[in-house]
């Protein structure tokens, strides 16, 4: 769960460094066997690199809150790829020359599907708000700012920190920039990469009304 990702990130760092920096199995030559599960967790969960069908891999990042990015190399279908995954973009580089009769694999990041060629990196940007859990967390956080400003108004004071209004405007911009389907519904992803289409027009319109009302009060 997202609220535990900081602890998971810390634990993963401890696990991956423990056998190298402390007494362990490295000297016995079985380090790779012992640590394979830990490294696989970082690859498949934090970077979100998962095989979904023949010749197709999904990248659904789930980085710990205090990690800016994760970088890794992986051999897939005979080719070596390097990846750099952050909360806003995925960079993929095919390091090898093409082999006759062996096609590079396809990668899916949200609704974008790419097949990188050799030597030139492909960069795919995506909304940092892409998971359903993150959407609910974001809306919950706006509740605090709206409550503070509403309380100030009903207490006869319309003075507040301008940053609070700026935060609401940023949230509105984030919601309106989400990818949408042909039906106009926003696309959000559950953990594991399952896509859902959500009708967010009510949340967006109500937030816009609050911003307009509060901005008018601030100018008054």
N, C-alpha and C. Protein backbone atom coordinates (compact mmCIF):
# COMPACT_ATOMS: atom_id res chain seq x y z
N UNK A 1 0.84 -1.18 0.00
CA UNK A 1 0.00 0.00 0.00
C UNK A 1 0.89 1.24 0.00
N UNK A 2 0.35 2.34 -0.60
CA UNK A 2 1.16 3.52 -0.78
C UNK A 2 1.67 4.09 0.54
N UNK A 3 0.83 4.01 1.61
CA UNK A 3 1.26 4.61 2.87
C UNK A 3 2.41 3.86 3.51
N UNK A 4 2.69 2.65 3.03
CA UNK A 4 3.78 1.86 3.60
C UNK A 4 5.03 1.86 2.71
N UNK A 5 4.97 2.57 1.57
CA UNK A 5 6.06 2.45 0.61
C UNK A 5 7.38 3.00 1.14
N UNK A 6 7.33 3.99 2.03
CA UNK A 6 8.60 4.50 2.58
C UNK A 6 9.29 3.40 3.37
N UNK A 7 8.52 2.69 4.21
CA UNK A 7 9.11 1.62 5.01
C UNK A 7 9.58 0.48 4.10
N UNK A 8 8.80 0.16 3.08
CA UNK A 8 9.19 -0.89 2.15
C UNK A 8 10.48 -0.52 1.45
N UNK A 9 10.60 0.76 1.06
CA UNK A 9 11.83 1.22 0.41
C UNK A 9 13.03 1.10 1.32
N UNK A 10 12.86 1.48 2.59
CA UNK A 10 13.96 1.37 3.55
C UNK A 10 14.34 -0.09 3.77
N UNK A 11 13.33 -0.94 3.93
CA UNK A 11 13.60 -2.36 4.16
C UNK A 11 14.30 -2.98 2.95
N UNK A 12 13.87 -2.59 1.76
CA UNK A 12 14.49 -3.14 0.55
C UNK A 12 15.95 -2.72 0.45
N UNK A 13 16.23 -1.47 0.79
CA UNK A 13 17.62 -1.00 0.76
C UNK A 13 18.47 -1.78 1.76
N UNK A 14 17.91 -2.02 2.94
CA UNK A 14 18.65 -2.79 3.96
C UNK A 14 18.92 -4.21 3.48
N UNK A 15 17.90 -4.83 2.89
CA UNK A 15 18.05 -6.21 2.43
C UNK A 15 19.10 -6.31 1.33
N UNK A 16 19.05 -5.38 0.38
CA UNK A 16 19.95 -5.47 -0.77
C UNK A 16 21.39 -5.14 -0.40
N UNK A 17 21.58 -4.38 0.66
CA UNK A 17 22.95 -4.02 1.06
C UNK A 17 23.50 -4.92 2.16
N UNK A 18 22.62 -5.65 2.84
CA UNK A 18 23.06 -6.40 4.01
C UNK A 18 24.08 -7.48 3.67
N UNK A 19 23.87 -8.19 2.58
CA UNK A 19 24.77 -9.29 2.26
C UNK A 19 26.09 -8.80 1.69
N UNK A 20 26.12 -7.55 1.22
CA UNK A 20 27.37 -6.99 0.70
C UNK A 20 28.18 -6.32 1.80
N UNK A 21 27.49 -5.65 2.71
CA UNK A 21 28.18 -4.85 3.72
C UNK A 21 28.36 -5.57 5.05
N UNK A 22 27.66 -6.68 5.23
CA UNK A 22 27.75 -7.42 6.48
C UNK A 22 28.17 -8.86 6.21
N UNK A 23 28.34 -9.61 7.28
CA UNK A 23 28.69 -11.02 7.12
C UNK A 23 27.52 -11.75 6.50
N UNK A 24 27.74 -12.43 5.38
CA UNK A 24 26.64 -13.10 4.70
C UNK A 24 27.15 -14.18 3.77
N UNK A 25 26.47 -14.35 2.66
CA UNK A 25 26.75 -15.47 1.77
C UNK A 25 27.60 -15.10 0.57
N UNK A 26 28.00 -13.82 0.46
CA UNK A 26 28.78 -13.41 -0.71
C UNK A 26 30.06 -14.23 -0.83
N UNK A 27 30.77 -14.42 0.28
CA UNK A 27 32.01 -15.17 0.26
C UNK A 27 31.84 -16.61 -0.16
N UNK A 28 30.66 -17.16 0.07
CA UNK A 28 30.41 -18.56 -0.31
C UNK A 28 29.96 -18.70 -1.77
N UNK A 29 29.78 -17.57 -2.45
CA UNK A 29 29.44 -17.62 -3.87
C UNK A 29 27.98 -17.88 -4.18
N UNK A 30 27.11 -17.73 -3.20
CA UNK A 30 25.69 -17.97 -3.47
C UNK A 30 24.86 -16.70 -3.26
N UNK A 31 25.53 -15.57 -3.33
CA UNK A 31 24.85 -14.29 -3.12
C UNK A 31 23.70 -14.10 -4.10
N UNK A 32 23.94 -14.35 -5.38
CA UNK A 32 22.90 -14.12 -6.40
C UNK A 32 21.66 -14.96 -6.13
N UNK A 33 21.88 -16.19 -5.71
CA UNK A 33 20.75 -17.08 -5.44
C UNK A 33 19.94 -16.57 -4.26
N UNK A 34 20.63 -16.15 -3.20
CA UNK A 34 19.94 -15.69 -2.00
C UNK A 34 19.20 -14.38 -2.24
N UNK A 35 19.81 -13.47 -3.00
CA UNK A 35 19.26 -12.13 -3.16
C UNK A 35 18.31 -11.98 -4.34
N UNK A 36 18.12 -13.02 -5.14
CA UNK A 36 17.32 -12.90 -6.37
C UNK A 36 15.92 -12.40 -6.09
N UNK A 37 15.29 -12.90 -5.03
CA UNK A 37 13.93 -12.47 -4.71
C UNK A 37 13.85 -11.00 -4.34
N UNK A 38 14.84 -10.51 -3.59
CA UNK A 38 14.86 -9.11 -3.19
C UNK A 38 15.03 -8.19 -4.39
N UNK A 39 15.95 -8.54 -5.28
CA UNK A 39 16.17 -7.73 -6.47
C UNK A 39 14.97 -7.79 -7.40
N UNK A 40 14.35 -8.96 -7.49
CA UNK A 40 13.16 -9.10 -8.33
C UNK A 40 12.02 -8.22 -7.81
N UNK A 41 11.92 -8.08 -6.49
CA UNK A 41 10.88 -7.23 -5.91
C UNK A 41 11.03 -5.78 -6.36
N UNK A 42 12.26 -5.28 -6.35
CA UNK A 42 12.51 -3.90 -6.79
C UNK A 42 12.15 -3.74 -8.26
N UNK A 43 12.49 -4.74 -9.05
CA UNK A 43 12.23 -4.67 -10.50
C UNK A 43 10.74 -4.73 -10.82
N UNK A 44 10.05 -5.70 -10.21
CA UNK A 44 8.65 -5.94 -10.58
C UNK A 44 7.68 -5.04 -9.82
N UNK A 45 8.04 -4.59 -8.61
CA UNK A 45 7.11 -3.78 -7.83
C UNK A 45 7.44 -2.29 -7.92
N UNK A 46 8.68 -1.90 -7.55
CA UNK A 46 9.03 -0.48 -7.58
C UNK A 46 9.09 0.05 -9.01
N UNK A 47 9.85 -0.63 -9.88
CA UNK A 47 9.91 -0.20 -11.28
C UNK A 47 8.65 -0.62 -12.04
N UNK A 48 7.98 -1.67 -11.57
CA UNK A 48 6.73 -2.11 -12.20
C UNK A 48 6.92 -2.83 -13.50
N UNK A 49 8.10 -3.45 -13.72
CA UNK A 49 8.39 -4.15 -14.96
C UNK A 49 7.82 -5.57 -14.88
N UNK A 50 6.82 -5.87 -15.71
CA UNK A 50 6.15 -7.15 -15.65
C UNK A 50 5.84 -7.66 -17.06
N UNK A 51 6.05 -8.95 -17.25
CA UNK A 51 5.73 -9.59 -18.52
C UNK A 51 4.24 -9.90 -18.55
N UNK A 52 3.52 -9.43 -19.59
CA UNK A 52 2.06 -9.63 -19.63
C UNK A 52 1.62 -10.54 -20.77
N UNK A 53 2.39 -10.63 -21.85
CA UNK A 53 2.06 -11.54 -22.95
C UNK A 53 3.30 -11.68 -23.83
N UNK A 54 3.23 -12.55 -24.81
CA UNK A 54 4.38 -12.80 -25.66
C UNK A 54 4.84 -11.51 -26.35
N UNK A 55 6.08 -11.12 -26.07
CA UNK A 55 6.64 -9.94 -26.70
C UNK A 55 6.16 -8.62 -26.14
N UNK A 56 5.40 -8.65 -25.04
CA UNK A 56 4.85 -7.41 -24.47
C UNK A 56 5.12 -7.37 -22.97
N UNK A 57 5.68 -6.24 -22.51
CA UNK A 57 5.93 -6.02 -21.09
C UNK A 57 5.25 -4.73 -20.64
N UNK A 58 4.80 -4.72 -19.41
CA UNK A 58 4.18 -3.53 -18.83
C UNK A 58 5.14 -2.88 -17.84
N UNK A 59 5.12 -1.55 -17.81
CA UNK A 59 5.85 -0.79 -16.78
C UNK A 59 4.83 0.05 -16.02
N UNK A 60 4.59 -0.31 -14.77
CA UNK A 60 3.63 0.40 -13.92
C UNK A 60 4.34 0.81 -12.63
N UNK A 61 5.02 1.96 -12.61
CA UNK A 61 5.86 2.34 -11.46
C UNK A 61 5.08 2.46 -10.16
N UNK A 62 5.75 2.09 -9.08
CA UNK A 62 5.18 2.21 -7.74
C UNK A 62 6.31 2.53 -6.77
N UNK A 63 6.98 3.66 -7.01
CA UNK A 63 8.18 4.01 -6.25
C UNK A 63 7.84 4.41 -4.82
N UNK A 64 8.75 4.11 -3.88
CA UNK A 64 8.58 4.64 -2.52
C UNK A 64 8.55 6.16 -2.57
N UNK A 65 7.88 6.77 -1.60
CA UNK A 65 7.65 8.21 -1.63
C UNK A 65 8.95 9.02 -1.61
N UNK A 66 10.02 8.48 -1.02
CA UNK A 66 11.27 9.23 -0.92
C UNK A 66 12.29 8.80 -1.97
N UNK A 67 11.89 7.99 -2.95
CA UNK A 67 12.75 7.62 -4.07
C UNK A 67 12.41 8.51 -5.26
N UNK A 68 13.42 9.13 -5.85
CA UNK A 68 13.18 9.95 -7.04
C UNK A 68 13.12 9.11 -8.30
N UNK A 69 13.86 7.99 -8.32
CA UNK A 69 13.86 7.13 -9.51
C UNK A 69 14.54 5.81 -9.16
N UNK A 70 14.43 4.86 -10.07
CA UNK A 70 15.16 3.60 -9.95
C UNK A 70 15.71 3.26 -11.34
N UNK A 71 16.95 2.81 -11.39
CA UNK A 71 17.63 2.49 -12.64
C UNK A 71 18.03 1.02 -12.63
N UNK A 72 17.81 0.33 -13.74
CA UNK A 72 18.16 -1.09 -13.81
C UNK A 72 18.43 -1.51 -15.24
N UNK A 73 19.09 -2.65 -15.39
CA UNK A 73 19.35 -3.28 -16.69
C UNK A 73 18.74 -4.67 -16.66
N UNK A 74 18.20 -5.08 -17.83
CA UNK A 74 17.50 -6.37 -17.88
C UNK A 74 17.64 -6.96 -19.27
N UNK A 75 17.98 -8.26 -19.32
CA UNK A 75 18.00 -8.96 -20.61
C UNK A 75 16.62 -9.55 -20.86
N UNK A 76 16.02 -9.16 -21.98
CA UNK A 76 14.68 -9.61 -22.34
C UNK A 76 14.70 -10.10 -23.79
N UNK A 77 14.33 -11.35 -23.98
CA UNK A 77 14.26 -11.95 -25.33
C UNK A 77 15.57 -11.78 -26.09
N UNK A 78 16.69 -11.93 -25.37
CA UNK A 78 18.00 -11.87 -26.01
C UNK A 78 18.60 -10.49 -26.11
N UNK A 79 17.83 -9.44 -25.80
CA UNK A 79 18.34 -8.07 -25.87
C UNK A 79 18.53 -7.51 -24.46
N UNK A 80 19.54 -6.62 -24.34
CA UNK A 80 19.78 -5.95 -23.06
C UNK A 80 19.15 -4.56 -23.11
N UNK A 81 18.28 -4.27 -22.15
CA UNK A 81 17.63 -2.97 -22.04
C UNK A 81 18.06 -2.31 -20.73
N UNK A 82 18.18 -1.00 -20.75
CA UNK A 82 18.36 -0.24 -19.52
C UNK A 82 17.13 0.63 -19.31
N UNK A 83 16.75 0.76 -18.04
CA UNK A 83 15.54 1.50 -17.69
C UNK A 83 15.87 2.51 -16.61
N UNK A 84 15.25 3.67 -16.71
CA UNK A 84 15.23 4.63 -15.61
C UNK A 84 13.78 5.04 -15.41
N UNK A 85 13.27 4.72 -14.23
CA UNK A 85 11.84 4.92 -13.95
C UNK A 85 11.71 5.94 -12.83
N UNK A 86 10.94 6.99 -13.08
CA UNK A 86 10.63 7.99 -12.05
C UNK A 86 9.12 8.12 -11.92
N UNK A 87 8.68 9.08 -11.11
CA UNK A 87 7.24 9.28 -10.92
C UNK A 87 6.60 10.00 -12.09
N UNK A 88 7.39 10.54 -13.01
CA UNK A 88 6.82 11.30 -14.11
C UNK A 88 7.18 10.77 -15.49
N UNK A 89 8.21 9.94 -15.60
CA UNK A 89 8.59 9.44 -16.90
C UNK A 89 9.35 8.12 -16.80
N UNK A 90 9.37 7.41 -17.93
CA UNK A 90 10.11 6.16 -18.06
C UNK A 90 11.07 6.30 -19.24
N UNK A 91 12.33 5.98 -19.01
CA UNK A 91 13.35 6.04 -20.07
C UNK A 91 13.81 4.62 -20.36
N UNK A 92 13.74 4.22 -21.64
CA UNK A 92 14.12 2.87 -22.06
C UNK A 92 15.17 2.97 -23.15
N UNK A 93 16.25 2.22 -23.00
CA UNK A 93 17.31 2.19 -24.01
C UNK A 93 17.62 0.74 -24.37
N UNK A 94 17.53 0.41 -25.66
CA UNK A 94 17.97 -0.89 -26.17
C UNK A 94 19.46 -0.78 -26.45
N UNK A 95 20.27 -1.52 -25.71
CA UNK A 95 21.72 -1.36 -25.78
C UNK A 95 22.35 -2.17 -26.91
N UNK A 96 21.66 -3.18 -27.43
CA UNK A 96 22.25 -4.08 -28.41
C UNK A 96 21.87 -3.71 -29.84
N UNK A 97 22.65 -4.23 -30.80
CA UNK A 97 22.26 -4.17 -32.19
C UNK A 97 21.09 -5.13 -32.43
N UNK A 98 20.33 -4.85 -33.47
CA UNK A 98 19.22 -5.74 -33.80
C UNK A 98 19.75 -7.05 -34.37
N UNK A 99 19.08 -8.13 -34.01
CA UNK A 99 19.43 -9.46 -34.50
C UNK A 99 18.37 -9.88 -35.51
N UNK A 100 18.80 -10.37 -36.67
CA UNK A 100 17.87 -10.77 -37.72
C UNK A 100 16.92 -11.85 -37.20
N UNK A 101 15.63 -11.60 -37.37
CA UNK A 101 14.62 -12.57 -36.97
C UNK A 101 14.19 -12.48 -35.52
N UNK A 102 14.80 -11.57 -34.76
CA UNK A 102 14.42 -11.40 -33.35
C UNK A 102 13.96 -9.96 -33.15
N UNK A 103 12.67 -9.78 -32.96
CA UNK A 103 12.12 -8.44 -32.79
C UNK A 103 12.29 -7.95 -31.35
N UNK A 104 12.60 -6.66 -31.17
CA UNK A 104 12.59 -6.10 -29.81
C UNK A 104 11.18 -6.19 -29.23
N UNK A 105 11.09 -6.22 -27.92
CA UNK A 105 9.79 -6.36 -27.28
C UNK A 105 9.08 -5.01 -27.24
N UNK A 106 7.76 -5.07 -27.00
CA UNK A 106 6.94 -3.88 -26.82
C UNK A 106 6.81 -3.60 -25.33
N UNK A 107 6.74 -2.32 -24.99
CA UNK A 107 6.53 -1.91 -23.61
C UNK A 107 5.28 -1.03 -23.52
N UNK A 108 4.45 -1.30 -22.52
CA UNK A 108 3.24 -0.52 -22.30
C UNK A 108 3.39 0.28 -21.01
N UNK A 109 3.24 1.60 -21.12
CA UNK A 109 3.24 2.49 -19.97
C UNK A 109 1.91 3.23 -20.02
N UNK A 110 1.03 2.96 -19.06
CA UNK A 110 -0.36 3.41 -19.09
C UNK A 110 -0.96 3.04 -20.45
N UNK A 111 -1.39 4.03 -21.26
CA UNK A 111 -1.98 3.71 -22.56
C UNK A 111 -0.99 3.84 -23.72
N UNK A 112 0.26 4.12 -23.41
CA UNK A 112 1.28 4.27 -24.45
C UNK A 112 2.02 2.96 -24.66
N UNK A 113 2.19 2.57 -25.93
CA UNK A 113 2.90 1.34 -26.26
C UNK A 113 4.04 1.68 -27.22
N UNK A 114 5.26 1.28 -26.86
CA UNK A 114 6.44 1.61 -27.66
C UNK A 114 7.29 0.37 -27.87
N UNK A 115 8.04 0.40 -28.97
CA UNK A 115 9.00 -0.66 -29.28
C UNK A 115 10.34 0.01 -29.55
N UNK A 116 11.19 0.15 -28.53
CA UNK A 116 12.44 0.88 -28.70
C UNK A 116 13.37 0.23 -29.73
N UNK A 117 14.03 1.07 -30.52
CA UNK A 117 15.08 0.61 -31.40
C UNK A 117 16.43 0.76 -30.72
N UNK A 118 17.51 0.35 -31.38
CA UNK A 118 18.82 0.39 -30.73
C UNK A 118 19.39 1.80 -30.63
N UNK A 119 20.17 2.03 -29.58
CA UNK A 119 21.05 3.17 -29.37
C UNK A 119 20.36 4.47 -28.95
N UNK A 120 19.12 4.67 -29.36
CA UNK A 120 18.44 5.93 -29.05
C UNK A 120 17.40 5.69 -27.96
N UNK A 121 17.52 6.34 -26.80
CA UNK A 121 16.56 6.10 -25.71
C UNK A 121 15.17 6.62 -26.06
N UNK A 122 14.18 5.93 -25.55
CA UNK A 122 12.79 6.36 -25.68
C UNK A 122 12.33 6.83 -24.31
N UNK A 123 11.73 8.02 -24.26
CA UNK A 123 11.25 8.59 -23.00
C UNK A 123 9.75 8.77 -23.09
N UNK A 124 9.03 8.17 -22.15
CA UNK A 124 7.58 8.28 -22.10
C UNK A 124 7.19 9.01 -20.83
N UNK A 125 6.51 10.13 -20.97
CA UNK A 125 6.05 10.88 -19.81
C UNK A 125 4.61 10.47 -19.49
N UNK A 126 4.29 10.48 -18.23
CA UNK A 126 2.94 10.14 -17.83
C UNK A 126 2.59 10.96 -16.59
N UNK A 127 1.30 11.05 -16.31
CA UNK A 127 0.85 11.82 -15.15
C UNK A 127 1.35 11.17 -13.87
N UNK A 128 1.88 12.01 -12.96
CA UNK A 128 2.33 11.45 -11.68
C UNK A 128 1.15 10.93 -10.86
N UNK A 129 -0.06 11.43 -11.18
CA UNK A 129 -1.27 10.90 -10.55
C UNK A 129 -1.87 9.89 -11.50
N UNK A 130 -1.59 8.63 -11.29
CA UNK A 130 -2.09 7.62 -12.22
C UNK A 130 -2.77 6.46 -11.51
N UNK A 131 -2.66 6.38 -10.19
CA UNK A 131 -3.23 5.27 -9.46
C UNK A 131 -4.47 5.72 -8.68
N UNK A 132 -5.45 4.84 -8.56
CA UNK A 132 -6.68 5.15 -7.86
C UNK A 132 -6.40 5.56 -6.42
N UNK A 133 -5.49 4.85 -5.75
CA UNK A 133 -5.15 5.17 -4.37
C UNK A 133 -4.60 6.59 -4.26
N UNK A 134 -3.78 7.01 -5.20
CA UNK A 134 -3.21 8.35 -5.19
C UNK A 134 -4.29 9.40 -5.39
N UNK A 135 -5.29 9.10 -6.22
CA UNK A 135 -6.39 10.02 -6.43
C UNK A 135 -7.14 10.26 -5.11
N UNK A 136 -7.48 9.18 -4.40
CA UNK A 136 -8.20 9.32 -3.14
C UNK A 136 -7.35 10.06 -2.11
N UNK A 137 -6.05 9.77 -2.07
CA UNK A 137 -5.16 10.48 -1.14
C UNK A 137 -5.13 11.98 -1.43
N UNK A 138 -5.08 12.32 -2.72
CA UNK A 138 -5.02 13.72 -3.13
C UNK A 138 -6.30 14.45 -2.74
N UNK A 139 -7.45 13.84 -3.00
CA UNK A 139 -8.72 14.49 -2.67
C UNK A 139 -8.88 14.63 -1.16
N UNK A 140 -8.38 13.66 -0.41
CA UNK A 140 -8.45 13.76 1.05
C UNK A 140 -7.62 14.94 1.55
N UNK A 141 -6.48 15.17 0.95
CA UNK A 141 -5.62 16.27 1.37
C UNK A 141 -6.26 17.63 1.07
N UNK A 142 -7.03 17.73 -0.03
CA UNK A 142 -7.67 19.01 -0.33
C UNK A 142 -8.74 19.34 0.71
N UNK A 143 -9.30 18.31 1.34
CA UNK A 143 -10.33 18.52 2.35
C UNK A 143 -9.82 19.41 3.47
N UNK A 144 -8.59 19.21 3.89
CA UNK A 144 -8.02 20.02 4.98
C UNK A 144 -7.97 21.49 4.59
N UNK A 145 -7.47 21.78 3.39
CA UNK A 145 -7.34 23.17 2.96
C UNK A 145 -8.70 23.82 2.78
N UNK A 146 -9.66 23.09 2.24
CA UNK A 146 -10.99 23.65 2.06
C UNK A 146 -11.65 23.93 3.42
N UNK A 147 -11.42 23.04 4.38
CA UNK A 147 -11.99 23.22 5.71
C UNK A 147 -11.44 24.47 6.38
N UNK A 148 -10.12 24.66 6.29
CA UNK A 148 -9.49 25.82 6.91
C UNK A 148 -10.04 27.11 6.33
N UNK A 149 -10.13 27.18 5.01
CA UNK A 149 -10.60 28.40 4.37
C UNK A 149 -12.09 28.64 4.63
N UNK A 150 -12.88 27.56 4.67
CA UNK A 150 -14.31 27.70 4.96
C UNK A 150 -14.53 28.17 6.39
N UNK A 151 -13.78 27.59 7.33
CA UNK A 151 -13.89 28.02 8.72
C UNK A 151 -13.53 29.49 8.88
N UNK A 152 -12.48 29.93 8.20
CA UNK A 152 -12.10 31.34 8.27
C UNK A 152 -13.22 32.24 7.77
N UNK A 153 -13.89 31.81 6.72
CA UNK A 153 -14.98 32.61 6.14
C UNK A 153 -16.14 32.73 7.12
N UNK A 154 -16.57 31.60 7.69
CA UNK A 154 -17.72 31.62 8.59
C UNK A 154 -17.39 32.27 9.94
N UNK A 155 -16.11 32.36 10.26
CA UNK A 155 -15.70 33.05 11.48
C UNK A 155 -15.54 34.55 11.24
N UNK A 156 -15.83 34.99 10.01
CA UNK A 156 -15.76 36.41 9.70
C UNK A 156 -14.43 36.86 9.19
N UNK A 157 -13.52 35.94 8.94
CA UNK A 157 -12.19 36.29 8.43
C UNK A 157 -12.01 35.66 7.06
N UNK A 158 -11.62 36.47 6.09
CA UNK A 158 -11.39 35.95 4.74
C UNK A 158 -9.90 35.95 4.41
N UNK A 159 -9.07 36.11 5.45
CA UNK A 159 -7.63 36.11 5.22
C UNK A 159 -7.08 34.71 5.40
N UNK A 160 -6.29 34.24 4.47
CA UNK A 160 -5.64 32.95 4.58
C UNK A 160 -4.34 32.97 3.78
N UNK A 161 -3.61 31.95 3.93
CA UNK A 161 -2.36 31.81 3.20
C UNK A 161 -2.66 31.61 1.72
N UNK A 162 -2.07 32.44 0.87
CA UNK A 162 -2.30 32.31 -0.57
C UNK A 162 -1.90 30.93 -1.08
N UNK A 163 -0.98 30.28 -0.39
CA UNK A 163 -0.52 28.97 -0.84
C UNK A 163 -1.66 27.95 -0.82
N UNK A 164 -2.61 28.13 0.08
CA UNK A 164 -3.73 27.19 0.14
C UNK A 164 -4.56 27.24 -1.13
N UNK A 165 -4.82 28.44 -1.62
CA UNK A 165 -5.55 28.59 -2.88
C UNK A 165 -4.73 28.07 -4.05
N UNK A 166 -3.44 28.29 -4.02
CA UNK A 166 -2.56 27.78 -5.07
C UNK A 166 -2.56 26.27 -5.11
N UNK A 167 -2.62 25.64 -3.93
CA UNK A 167 -2.66 24.18 -3.86
C UNK A 167 -3.92 23.65 -4.52
N UNK A 168 -5.07 24.28 -4.24
CA UNK A 168 -6.32 23.84 -4.86
C UNK A 168 -6.27 24.01 -6.38
N UNK A 169 -5.67 25.09 -6.83
CA UNK A 169 -5.53 25.28 -8.28
C UNK A 169 -4.64 24.21 -8.89
N UNK A 170 -3.58 23.85 -8.18
CA UNK A 170 -2.69 22.79 -8.69
C UNK A 170 -3.42 21.46 -8.76
N UNK A 171 -4.23 21.15 -7.73
CA UNK A 171 -4.99 19.90 -7.74
C UNK A 171 -5.95 19.88 -8.92
N UNK A 172 -6.64 21.01 -9.15
CA UNK A 172 -7.57 21.09 -10.29
C UNK A 172 -6.85 20.86 -11.61
N UNK A 173 -5.68 21.47 -11.76
CA UNK A 173 -4.90 21.28 -12.98
C UNK A 173 -4.47 19.83 -13.14
N UNK A 174 -4.11 19.18 -12.03
CA UNK A 174 -3.71 17.77 -12.07
C UNK A 174 -4.86 16.89 -12.52
N UNK A 175 -6.05 17.12 -11.99
CA UNK A 175 -7.20 16.30 -12.34
C UNK A 175 -7.60 16.49 -13.80
N UNK A 176 -7.54 17.73 -14.28
CA UNK A 176 -7.94 18.00 -15.66
C UNK A 176 -6.90 17.53 -16.68
N UNK A 177 -5.69 17.22 -16.21
CA UNK A 177 -4.65 16.75 -17.13
C UNK A 177 -4.55 15.24 -17.20
N UNK A 178 -5.40 14.54 -16.46
CA UNK A 178 -5.39 13.07 -16.50
C UNK A 178 -5.78 12.58 -17.90
N UNK A 179 -5.20 11.47 -18.35
CA UNK A 179 -5.62 10.90 -19.64
C UNK A 179 -7.08 10.46 -19.58
N UNK A 180 -7.81 10.69 -20.67
CA UNK A 180 -9.23 10.32 -20.71
C UNK A 180 -9.48 9.43 -21.92
N UNK A 181 -10.52 8.61 -21.81
CA UNK A 181 -10.93 7.76 -22.91
C UNK A 181 -11.89 8.47 -23.83
N UNK A 182 -12.39 7.76 -24.85
CA UNK A 182 -13.31 8.34 -25.81
C UNK A 182 -14.62 8.77 -25.16
N UNK A 183 -14.96 8.14 -24.04
CA UNK A 183 -16.19 8.49 -23.34
C UNK A 183 -16.01 9.65 -22.37
N UNK A 184 -14.80 10.23 -22.35
CA UNK A 184 -14.55 11.38 -21.50
C UNK A 184 -14.20 11.04 -20.07
N UNK A 185 -14.14 9.77 -19.72
CA UNK A 185 -13.84 9.37 -18.36
C UNK A 185 -12.33 9.29 -18.15
N UNK A 186 -11.89 9.67 -16.95
CA UNK A 186 -10.46 9.65 -16.64
C UNK A 186 -9.99 8.21 -16.45
N UNK A 187 -8.74 7.98 -16.84
CA UNK A 187 -8.15 6.64 -16.72
C UNK A 187 -7.23 6.60 -15.52
N UNK A 188 -7.55 5.71 -14.59
CA UNK A 188 -6.72 5.49 -13.41
C UNK A 188 -6.38 4.02 -13.33
N UNK A 189 -5.29 3.73 -12.63
CA UNK A 189 -4.81 2.35 -12.56
C UNK A 189 -4.79 1.86 -11.12
N UNK A 190 -5.23 0.63 -10.93
CA UNK A 190 -5.10 -0.02 -9.64
C UNK A 190 -3.70 -0.63 -9.53
N UNK A 191 -3.29 -0.99 -8.33
CA UNK A 191 -2.00 -1.65 -8.15
C UNK A 191 -1.99 -2.94 -8.97
N UNK A 192 -0.90 -3.14 -9.69
CA UNK A 192 -0.80 -4.31 -10.56
C UNK A 192 -1.09 -4.00 -12.00
N UNK A 193 -1.54 -2.76 -12.29
CA UNK A 193 -1.69 -2.35 -13.68
C UNK A 193 -3.09 -2.45 -14.25
N UNK A 194 -4.10 -2.88 -13.46
CA UNK A 194 -5.47 -2.94 -13.95
C UNK A 194 -6.01 -1.54 -14.15
N UNK A 195 -6.56 -1.27 -15.35
CA UNK A 195 -7.04 0.06 -15.68
C UNK A 195 -8.52 0.20 -15.35
N UNK A 196 -8.88 1.39 -14.84
CA UNK A 196 -10.28 1.72 -14.60
C UNK A 196 -10.58 3.09 -15.19
N UNK A 197 -11.78 3.25 -15.72
CA UNK A 197 -12.23 4.54 -16.22
C UNK A 197 -13.21 5.12 -15.21
N UNK A 198 -12.95 6.36 -14.79
CA UNK A 198 -13.72 6.96 -13.71
C UNK A 198 -14.31 8.30 -14.16
N UNK A 199 -15.54 8.55 -13.78
CA UNK A 199 -16.20 9.82 -14.05
C UNK A 199 -15.83 10.80 -12.94
N UNK A 200 -15.00 11.78 -13.26
CA UNK A 200 -14.50 12.72 -12.26
C UNK A 200 -15.05 14.13 -12.48
N UNK A 201 -16.05 14.27 -13.34
CA UNK A 201 -16.55 15.61 -13.65
C UNK A 201 -17.11 16.30 -12.41
N UNK A 202 -17.77 15.54 -11.51
CA UNK A 202 -18.31 16.15 -10.30
C UNK A 202 -17.19 16.73 -9.44
N UNK A 203 -16.13 15.92 -9.18
CA UNK A 203 -15.02 16.38 -8.35
C UNK A 203 -14.34 17.60 -8.98
N UNK A 204 -14.14 17.55 -10.30
CA UNK A 204 -13.46 18.66 -10.98
C UNK A 204 -14.31 19.93 -10.94
N UNK A 205 -15.62 19.80 -11.21
CA UNK A 205 -16.50 20.97 -11.24
C UNK A 205 -16.66 21.59 -9.85
N UNK A 206 -16.82 20.73 -8.81
CA UNK A 206 -16.97 21.26 -7.46
C UNK A 206 -15.69 21.96 -6.99
N UNK A 207 -14.55 21.40 -7.36
CA UNK A 207 -13.28 22.03 -7.00
C UNK A 207 -13.14 23.38 -7.71
N UNK A 208 -13.57 23.44 -8.96
CA UNK A 208 -13.50 24.71 -9.71
C UNK A 208 -14.41 25.76 -9.07
N UNK A 209 -15.60 25.35 -8.60
CA UNK A 209 -16.50 26.29 -7.93
C UNK A 209 -15.87 26.83 -6.65
N UNK A 210 -15.24 25.95 -5.87
CA UNK A 210 -14.60 26.38 -4.64
C UNK A 210 -13.48 27.37 -4.93
N UNK A 211 -12.70 27.08 -5.94
CA UNK A 211 -11.58 27.97 -6.30
C UNK A 211 -12.10 29.33 -6.72
N UNK A 212 -13.16 29.34 -7.54
CA UNK A 212 -13.74 30.61 -8.00
C UNK A 212 -14.29 31.42 -6.83
N UNK A 213 -15.02 30.74 -5.93
CA UNK A 213 -15.61 31.43 -4.78
C UNK A 213 -14.53 32.01 -3.87
N UNK A 214 -13.52 31.19 -3.57
CA UNK A 214 -12.47 31.64 -2.65
C UNK A 214 -11.61 32.73 -3.28
N UNK A 215 -11.39 32.64 -4.59
CA UNK A 215 -10.60 33.67 -5.26
C UNK A 215 -11.34 35.00 -5.24
N UNK A 216 -12.66 34.96 -5.41
CA UNK A 216 -13.45 36.18 -5.35
C UNK A 216 -13.41 36.80 -3.96
N UNK A 217 -13.48 35.96 -2.92
CA UNK A 217 -13.39 36.46 -1.56
C UNK A 217 -12.03 37.10 -1.30
N UNK A 218 -11.01 36.47 -1.84
CA UNK A 218 -9.66 36.98 -1.62
C UNK A 218 -9.48 38.35 -2.26
N UNK A 219 -10.13 38.58 -3.40
CA UNK A 219 -10.01 39.87 -4.10
C UNK A 219 -10.90 40.93 -3.47
N UNK A 220 -11.91 40.48 -2.72
CA UNK A 220 -12.86 41.43 -2.14
C UNK A 220 -12.23 42.29 -1.06
